[in-house]
Amino acid sequence: MFKITTSETFKWPVEVRIPTDGGRHQKATFDAEFRRLPQSQLEKMAERLTQNEGDGAAVCRELVVGWEGIEDDAGPVRFSAEALGRVLDIPGVVPALIGSYFDALRGLERKN
């Protein structure tokens, strides 16, 4: 059975690969809570991204509504608009978030 009512959000694992010395990457993972958007809005968003009309950080601000597993030196970081801005400023995070979101919609499974 296919149920047409769904929750407004879903959580999905995100993997960020951060460059380190020696030509290597450090893998960091967390769970993002994404807003579930209607297909019509997703198509417009995808078009903006492919035509470089919308920057990826702006798209992430539309999609991400929470997270689990993000910390700084003081411990766990609570989700807020300010904290999201800090996270989005880290190279590699924006494409990782967008990629994870669309992987979820395409049915590609990921595990932390």
C-alpha atoms as a PDB file:
ATOM      1  CA  MET A   1       0.000   0.000   0.000  1.00  0.00           C
ATOM      2  CA  PHE A   2       1.171   3.532  -0.783  1.00  0.00           C
ATOM      3  CA  LYS A   3       0.095   6.080   1.806  1.00  0.00           C
ATOM      4  CA  ILE A   4      -0.126   9.654   0.493  1.00  0.00           C
ATOM      5  CA  THR A   5       0.147  11.358   3.867  1.00  0.00           C
ATOM      6  CA  THR A   6       3.691  11.871   5.100  1.00  0.00           C
ATOM      7  CA  SER A   7       5.492  13.721   7.835  1.00  0.00           C
ATOM      8  CA  GLU A   8       6.687  17.253   7.166  1.00  0.00           C
ATOM      9  CA  THR A   9      10.339  16.313   7.786  1.00  0.00           C
ATOM     10  CA  PHE A  10      12.671  13.325   7.635  1.00  0.00           C
ATOM     11  CA  LYS A  11      16.134  12.569   9.002  1.00  0.00           C
ATOM     12  CA  TRP A  12      18.867  11.359   6.695  1.00  0.00           C
ATOM     13  CA  PRO A  13      22.590  10.655   7.173  1.00  0.00           C
ATOM     14  CA  VAL A  14      25.067  13.102   5.667  1.00  0.00           C
ATOM     15  CA  GLU A  15      28.722  12.336   5.006  1.00  0.00           C
ATOM     16  CA  VAL A  16      31.166  15.228   4.645  1.00  0.00           C
ATOM     17  CA  ARG A  17      34.682  14.587   3.390  1.00  0.00           C
ATOM     18  CA  ILE A  18      37.066  17.192   4.787  1.00  0.00           C
ATOM     19  CA  PRO A  19      40.502  17.546   3.139  1.00  0.00           C
ATOM     20  CA  THR A  20      43.446  16.846   5.435  1.00  0.00           C
ATOM     21  CA  ASP A  21      47.212  16.710   4.985  1.00  0.00           C
ATOM     22  CA  GLY A  22      48.817  14.261   2.616  1.00  0.00           C
ATOM     23  CA  GLY A  23      46.070  14.222   0.012  1.00  0.00           C
ATOM     24  CA  ARG A  24      43.614  12.492   2.290  1.00  0.00           C
ATOM     25  CA  HIS A  25      40.122  13.226   3.551  1.00  0.00           C
ATOM     26  CA  GLN A  26      38.585  12.906   6.980  1.00  0.00           C
ATOM     27  CA  LYS A  27      35.068  11.501   6.848  1.00  0.00           C
ATOM     28  CA  ALA A  28      32.589  13.195   9.184  1.00  0.00           C
ATOM     29  CA  THR A  29      28.952  12.135   9.493  1.00  0.00           C
ATOM     30  CA  PHE A  30      25.796  13.524  11.059  1.00  0.00           C
ATOM     31  CA  ASP A  31      22.048  13.190  10.609  1.00  0.00           C
ATOM     32  CA  ALA A  32      20.265  16.136   9.034  1.00  0.00           C
ATOM     33  CA  GLU A  33      16.575  16.747   9.475  1.00  0.00           C
ATOM     34  CA  PHE A  34      15.235  17.852   6.115  1.00  0.00           C
ATOM     35  CA  ARG A  35      11.997  19.559   5.189  1.00  0.00           C
ATOM     36  CA  ARG A  36       9.868  17.390   2.900  1.00  0.00           C
ATOM     37  CA  LEU A  37       9.018  19.614  -0.066  1.00  0.00           C
ATOM     38  CA  PRO A  38       6.317  19.074  -2.704  1.00  0.00           C
ATOM     39  CA  GLN A  39       7.489  17.880  -6.117  1.00  0.00           C
ATOM     40  CA  SER A  40       6.702  21.205  -7.790  1.00  0.00           C
ATOM     41  CA  GLN A  41       8.985  23.054  -5.376  1.00  0.00           C
ATOM     42  CA  LEU A  42      11.721  20.427  -5.754  1.00  0.00           C
ATOM     43  CA  GLU A  43      11.696  20.838  -9.518  1.00  0.00           C
ATOM     44  CA  LYS A  44      12.109  24.595  -9.202  1.00  0.00           C
ATOM     45  CA  MET A  45      14.923  24.111  -6.684  1.00  0.00           C
ATOM     46  CA  ALA A  46      16.731  21.627  -8.920  1.00  0.00           C
ATOM     47  CA  GLU A  47      16.386  24.004 -11.860  1.00  0.00           C
ATOM     48  CA  ARG A  48      17.860  26.869  -9.815  1.00  0.00           C
ATOM     49  CA  LEU A  49      20.801  24.702  -8.797  1.00  0.00           C
ATOM     50  CA  THR A  50      21.544  23.461 -12.315  1.00  0.00           C
ATOM     51  CA  GLN A  51      21.324  26.959 -13.779  1.00  0.00           C
ATOM     52  CA  ASN A  52      23.500  28.427 -10.998  1.00  0.00           C
ATOM     53  CA  GLU A  53      20.738  30.904 -10.143  1.00  0.00           C
ATOM     54  CA  GLY A  54      20.529  29.860  -6.528  1.00  0.00           C
ATOM     55  CA  ASP A  55      23.467  29.338  -4.304  1.00  0.00           C
ATOM     56  CA  GLY A  56      23.680  26.018  -2.528  1.00  0.00           C
ATOM     57  CA  ALA A  57      23.767  27.568   0.939  1.00  0.00           C
ATOM     58  CA  ALA A  58      20.403  29.241   0.289  1.00  0.00           C
ATOM     59  CA  VAL A  59      18.971  25.908  -0.812  1.00  0.00           C
ATOM     60  CA  CYS A  60      20.297  24.273   2.358  1.00  0.00           C
ATOM     61  CA  ARG A  61      18.605  26.961   4.451  1.00  0.00           C
ATOM     62  CA  GLU A  62      15.326  25.983   2.788  1.00  0.00           C
ATOM     63  CA  LEU A  63      15.878  22.262   3.348  1.00  0.00           C
ATOM     64  CA  VAL A  64      17.591  21.802   6.717  1.00  0.00           C
ATOM     65  CA  VAL A  65      15.465  22.204   9.846  1.00  0.00           C
ATOM     66  CA  GLY A  66      17.567  20.326  12.382  1.00  0.00           C
ATOM     67  CA  TRP A  67      20.381  17.860  13.008  1.00  0.00           C
ATOM     68  CA  GLU A  68      21.930  15.328  15.328  1.00  0.00           C
ATOM     69  CA  GLY A  69      25.618  14.616  15.702  1.00  0.00           C
ATOM     70  CA  ILE A  70      27.222  18.023  15.171  1.00  0.00           C
ATOM     71  CA  GLU A  71      29.645  19.197  17.836  1.00  0.00           C
ATOM     72  CA  ASP A  72      32.214  21.902  18.427  1.00  0.00           C
ATOM     73  CA  ASP A  73      34.941  22.137  21.080  1.00  0.00           C
ATOM     74  CA  ALA A  74      32.301  22.836  23.750  1.00  0.00           C
ATOM     75  CA  GLY A  75      30.142  19.809  22.883  1.00  0.00           C
ATOM     76  CA  PRO A  76      26.913  19.253  20.925  1.00  0.00           C
ATOM     77  CA  VAL A  77      25.751  22.175  18.786  1.00  0.00           C
ATOM     78  CA  ARG A  78      22.033  22.922  18.963  1.00  0.00           C
ATOM     79  CA  PHE A  79      20.385  23.728  15.672  1.00  0.00           C
ATOM     80  CA  SER A  80      19.678  27.407  15.025  1.00  0.00           C
ATOM     81  CA  ALA A  81      19.857  29.723  12.022  1.00  0.00           C
ATOM     82  CA  GLU A  82      23.199  31.034  13.291  1.00  0.00           C
ATOM     83  CA  ALA A  83      24.622  27.543  13.856  1.00  0.00           C
ATOM     84  CA  LEU A  84      23.407  26.467  10.422  1.00  0.00           C
ATOM     85  CA  GLY A  85      25.250  29.430   8.895  1.00  0.00           C
ATOM     86  CA  ARG A  86      28.460  28.366  10.648  1.00  0.00           C
ATOM     87  CA  VAL A  87      28.102  24.799   9.426  1.00  0.00           C
ATOM     88  CA  LEU A  88      27.287  25.842   5.852  1.00  0.00           C
ATOM     89  CA  ASP A  89      30.467  27.935   5.796  1.00  0.00           C
ATOM     90  CA  ILE A  90      32.607  24.782   6.126  1.00  0.00           C
ATOM     91  CA  PRO A  91      33.823  23.706   2.664  1.00  0.00           C
ATOM     92  CA  GLY A  92      32.167  20.495   1.545  1.00  0.00           C
ATOM     93  CA  VAL A  93      29.090  20.722   3.751  1.00  0.00           C
ATOM     94  CA  VAL A  94      26.738  22.366   1.237  1.00  0.00           C
ATOM     95  CA  PRO A  95      27.245  19.784  -1.543  1.00  0.00           C
ATOM     96  CA  ALA A  96      27.082  16.967   1.029  1.00  0.00           C
ATOM     97  CA  LEU A  97      23.717  18.195   2.347  1.00  0.00           C
ATOM     98  CA  ILE A  98      22.220  18.732  -1.103  1.00  0.00           C
ATOM     99  CA  GLY A  99      23.553  15.389  -2.315  1.00  0.00           C
ATOM    100  CA  SER A 100      22.141  13.547   0.699  1.00  0.00           C
ATOM    101  CA  TYR A 101      18.740  15.163   0.270  1.00  0.00           C
ATOM    102  CA  PHE A 102      18.429  14.180  -3.372  1.00  0.00           C
ATOM    103  CA  ASP A 103      19.885  10.707  -2.692  1.00  0.00           C
ATOM    104  CA  ALA A 104      17.079  10.213  -0.164  1.00  0.00           C
ATOM    105  CA  LEU A 105      14.489  11.201  -2.746  1.00  0.00           C
ATOM    106  CA  ARG A 106      16.022   8.887  -5.359  1.00  0.00           C
ATOM    107  CA  GLY A 107      15.911   5.980  -2.923  1.00  0.00           C
ATOM    108  CA  LEU A 108      19.668   5.639  -2.445  1.00  0.00           C
ATOM    109  CA  GLU A 109      20.310   4.266   1.022  1.00  0.00           C
ATOM    110  CA  ARG A 110      22.977   5.664   3.335  1.00  0.00           C
ATOM    111  CA  LYS A 111      24.031   4.614   6.793  1.00  0.00           C
ATOM    112  CA  ASN A 112      26.065   6.447   9.437  1.00  0.00           C
END
